[in-house]
């Protein structure tokens, strides 16, 4: 039996989906009124690649490109891991931009 909302595999004793929290209607499930017959496959590879590129470009001091790729990756991500990876890339890019600005301001003073 699978969750009607997210497709997570359920145990017969579950009252709620362990992934999304949807209450389980066992009578409906026994009658075969399930929307999902198998787990949903999520392809989050493009979002992960953008997250990695965001981190790489931020470390190469191309912070603006790292932020742009990170934002696109967050918008495309469907899984929490990919979203976190892109947010890390955005954060490192922002920190690198701030360091560059501070060092440049100190150099010109």
C-alpha atoms as a PDB file:
ATOM      1  CA  UNK A   1       0.000   0.000   0.000  1.00  0.00           C
ATOM      2  CA  UNK A   2       1.246   3.488  -0.892  1.00  0.00           C
ATOM      3  CA  UNK A   3       0.384   6.995   0.318  1.00  0.00           C
ATOM      4  CA  UNK A   4      -2.193   8.750  -1.877  1.00  0.00           C
ATOM      5  CA  UNK A   5      -0.433  12.098  -1.571  1.00  0.00           C
ATOM      6  CA  UNK A   6       3.289  11.358  -1.888  1.00  0.00           C
ATOM      7  CA  UNK A   7       3.558   7.699  -2.949  1.00  0.00           C
ATOM      8  CA  UNK A   8       5.563   6.557   0.104  1.00  0.00           C
ATOM      9  CA  UNK A   9       5.290   2.821   0.856  1.00  0.00           C
ATOM     10  CA  UNK A  10       3.122   2.269   3.939  1.00  0.00           C
ATOM     11  CA  UNK A  11       2.855  -0.516   6.479  1.00  0.00           C
ATOM     12  CA  UNK A  12      -0.585  -1.998   7.137  1.00  0.00           C
ATOM     13  CA  UNK A  13      -0.433  -0.692  10.713  1.00  0.00           C
ATOM     14  CA  UNK A  14       0.293   2.943   9.736  1.00  0.00           C
ATOM     15  CA  UNK A  15      -2.406   5.454  10.630  1.00  0.00           C
ATOM     16  CA  UNK A  16      -0.534   8.361   8.998  1.00  0.00           C
ATOM     17  CA  UNK A  17       2.016   8.558   6.205  1.00  0.00           C
ATOM     18  CA  UNK A  18       5.495   8.691   7.799  1.00  0.00           C
ATOM     19  CA  UNK A  19       6.692  11.059   5.033  1.00  0.00           C
ATOM     20  CA  UNK A  20       3.891  13.626   4.522  1.00  0.00           C
ATOM     21  CA  UNK A  21       1.547  12.970   7.475  1.00  0.00           C
ATOM     22  CA  UNK A  22      -1.596  12.237   5.430  1.00  0.00           C
ATOM     23  CA  UNK A  23      -4.149  10.195   7.439  1.00  0.00           C
ATOM     24  CA  UNK A  24      -4.506   6.719   5.965  1.00  0.00           C
ATOM     25  CA  UNK A  25      -8.002   5.553   4.994  1.00  0.00           C
ATOM     26  CA  UNK A  26      -7.635   1.747   5.224  1.00  0.00           C
ATOM     27  CA  UNK A  27     -11.146   1.056   3.858  1.00  0.00           C
ATOM     28  CA  UNK A  28     -10.430   3.065   0.727  1.00  0.00           C
ATOM     29  CA  UNK A  29      -7.042   1.380   0.377  1.00  0.00           C
ATOM     30  CA  UNK A  30      -8.608  -2.080   0.675  1.00  0.00           C
ATOM     31  CA  UNK A  31     -11.088  -1.214  -2.100  1.00  0.00           C
ATOM     32  CA  UNK A  32      -8.195  -0.244  -4.341  1.00  0.00           C
ATOM     33  CA  UNK A  33      -8.833   3.500  -4.625  1.00  0.00           C
ATOM     34  CA  UNK A  34      -5.197   4.495  -4.557  1.00  0.00           C
ATOM     35  CA  UNK A  35      -3.795   7.214  -6.742  1.00  0.00           C
ATOM     36  CA  UNK A  36      -0.288   5.753  -6.569  1.00  0.00           C
ATOM     37  CA  UNK A  37       0.679   2.202  -7.250  1.00  0.00           C
ATOM     38  CA  UNK A  38       4.395   2.826  -6.970  1.00  0.00           C
ATOM     39  CA  UNK A  39       6.734   5.411  -5.472  1.00  0.00           C
ATOM     40  CA  UNK A  40       7.347   8.540  -7.514  1.00  0.00           C
ATOM     41  CA  UNK A  41      10.794   8.736  -9.053  1.00  0.00           C
ATOM     42  CA  UNK A  42      12.335  12.193  -8.674  1.00  0.00           C
ATOM     43  CA  UNK A  43      15.126  13.298 -11.011  1.00  0.00           C
ATOM     44  CA  UNK A  44      16.912  16.021  -9.074  1.00  0.00           C
ATOM     45  CA  UNK A  45      20.245  15.639 -10.875  1.00  0.00           C
ATOM     46  CA  UNK A  46      20.109  19.046 -12.666  1.00  0.00           C
ATOM     47  CA  UNK A  47      19.503  20.821  -9.362  1.00  0.00           C
ATOM     48  CA  UNK A  48      22.401  18.953  -7.713  1.00  0.00           C
ATOM     49  CA  UNK A  49      24.724  19.815 -10.613  1.00  0.00           C
ATOM     50  CA  UNK A  50      23.758  23.483 -10.330  1.00  0.00           C
ATOM     51  CA  UNK A  51      24.426  23.360  -6.580  1.00  0.00           C
ATOM     52  CA  UNK A  52      27.884  21.909  -7.127  1.00  0.00           C
ATOM     53  CA  UNK A  53      28.645  24.468  -9.855  1.00  0.00           C
ATOM     54  CA  UNK A  54      27.428  27.228  -7.561  1.00  0.00           C
ATOM     55  CA  UNK A  55      29.896  26.154  -4.875  1.00  0.00           C
ATOM     56  CA  UNK A  56      32.752  25.749  -7.386  1.00  0.00           C
ATOM     57  CA  UNK A  57      32.212  29.183  -8.943  1.00  0.00           C
ATOM     58  CA  UNK A  58      31.932  30.807  -5.535  1.00  0.00           C
ATOM     59  CA  UNK A  59      35.263  29.292  -4.482  1.00  0.00           C
ATOM     60  CA  UNK A  60      36.818  30.501  -7.742  1.00  0.00           C
ATOM     61  CA  UNK A  61      35.738  34.038  -6.775  1.00  0.00           C
ATOM     62  CA  UNK A  62      33.037  34.212  -9.425  1.00  0.00           C
ATOM     63  CA  UNK A  63      30.434  34.871  -6.756  1.00  0.00           C
ATOM     64  CA  UNK A  64      27.774  36.444  -8.931  1.00  0.00           C
ATOM     65  CA  UNK A  65      27.629  33.400 -11.183  1.00  0.00           C
ATOM     66  CA  UNK A  66      27.547  31.166  -8.090  1.00  0.00           C
ATOM     67  CA  UNK A  67      24.545  33.074  -6.739  1.00  0.00           C
ATOM     68  CA  UNK A  68      22.696  32.920 -10.064  1.00  0.00           C
ATOM     69  CA  UNK A  69      23.295  29.167 -10.479  1.00  0.00           C
ATOM     70  CA  UNK A  70      22.325  28.572  -6.853  1.00  0.00           C
ATOM     71  CA  UNK A  71      19.042  30.435  -7.230  1.00  0.00           C
ATOM     72  CA  UNK A  72      18.181  28.517 -10.403  1.00  0.00           C
ATOM     73  CA  UNK A  73      19.074  25.265  -8.612  1.00  0.00           C
ATOM     74  CA  UNK A  74      16.823  26.103  -5.640  1.00  0.00           C
ATOM     75  CA  UNK A  75      13.946  26.780  -8.035  1.00  0.00           C
ATOM     76  CA  UNK A  76      14.488  23.442  -9.822  1.00  0.00           C
ATOM     77  CA  UNK A  77      15.133  21.292  -6.747  1.00  0.00           C
ATOM     78  CA  UNK A  78      12.483  18.850  -5.614  1.00  0.00           C
ATOM     79  CA  UNK A  79      14.411  17.223  -2.777  1.00  0.00           C
ATOM     80  CA  UNK A  80      15.680  18.781   0.412  1.00  0.00           C
ATOM     81  CA  UNK A  81      19.273  17.617  -0.205  1.00  0.00           C
ATOM     82  CA  UNK A  82      19.464  19.457  -3.527  1.00  0.00           C
ATOM     83  CA  UNK A  83      17.882  22.580  -2.058  1.00  0.00           C
ATOM     84  CA  UNK A  84      20.408  22.601   0.804  1.00  0.00           C
ATOM     85  CA  UNK A  85      23.311  22.117  -1.621  1.00  0.00           C
ATOM     86  CA  UNK A  86      22.182  25.126  -3.656  1.00  0.00           C
ATOM     87  CA  UNK A  87      21.640  27.234  -0.534  1.00  0.00           C
ATOM     88  CA  UNK A  88      25.184  26.411   0.569  1.00  0.00           C
ATOM     89  CA  UNK A  89      26.451  27.563  -2.837  1.00  0.00           C
ATOM     90  CA  UNK A  90      24.508  30.820  -2.530  1.00  0.00           C
ATOM     91  CA  UNK A  91      25.823  31.391   0.998  1.00  0.00           C
ATOM     92  CA  UNK A  92      29.454  30.761   0.066  1.00  0.00           C
ATOM     93  CA  UNK A  93      29.073  33.049  -2.954  1.00  0.00           C
ATOM     94  CA  UNK A  94      27.649  35.848  -0.814  1.00  0.00           C
ATOM     95  CA  UNK A  95      30.454  35.451   1.734  1.00  0.00           C
ATOM     96  CA  UNK A  96      33.097  35.528  -1.012  1.00  0.00           C
ATOM     97  CA  UNK A  97      31.551  38.689  -2.494  1.00  0.00           C
ATOM     98  CA  UNK A  98      31.564  40.346   0.946  1.00  0.00           C
ATOM     99  CA  UNK A  99      35.195  39.381   1.542  1.00  0.00           C
ATOM    100  CA  UNK A 100      36.138  40.786  -1.871  1.00  0.00           C
ATOM    101  CA  UNK A 101      34.338  44.069  -1.155  1.00  0.00           C
ATOM    102  CA  UNK A 102      35.919  44.424   2.294  1.00  0.00           C
ATOM    103  CA  UNK A 103      39.403  43.657   0.992  1.00  0.00           C
ATOM    104  CA  UNK A 104      38.957  46.056  -1.923  1.00  0.00           C
ATOM    105  CA  UNK A 105      37.733  48.818   0.388  1.00  0.00           C
ATOM    106  CA  UNK A 106      40.685  48.238   2.728  1.00  0.00           C
ATOM    107  CA  UNK A 107      43.124  48.278  -0.152  1.00  0.00           C
ATOM    108  CA  UNK A 108      41.865  51.616  -1.454  1.00  0.00           C
ATOM    109  CA  UNK A 109      41.919  53.288   1.985  1.00  0.00           C
END
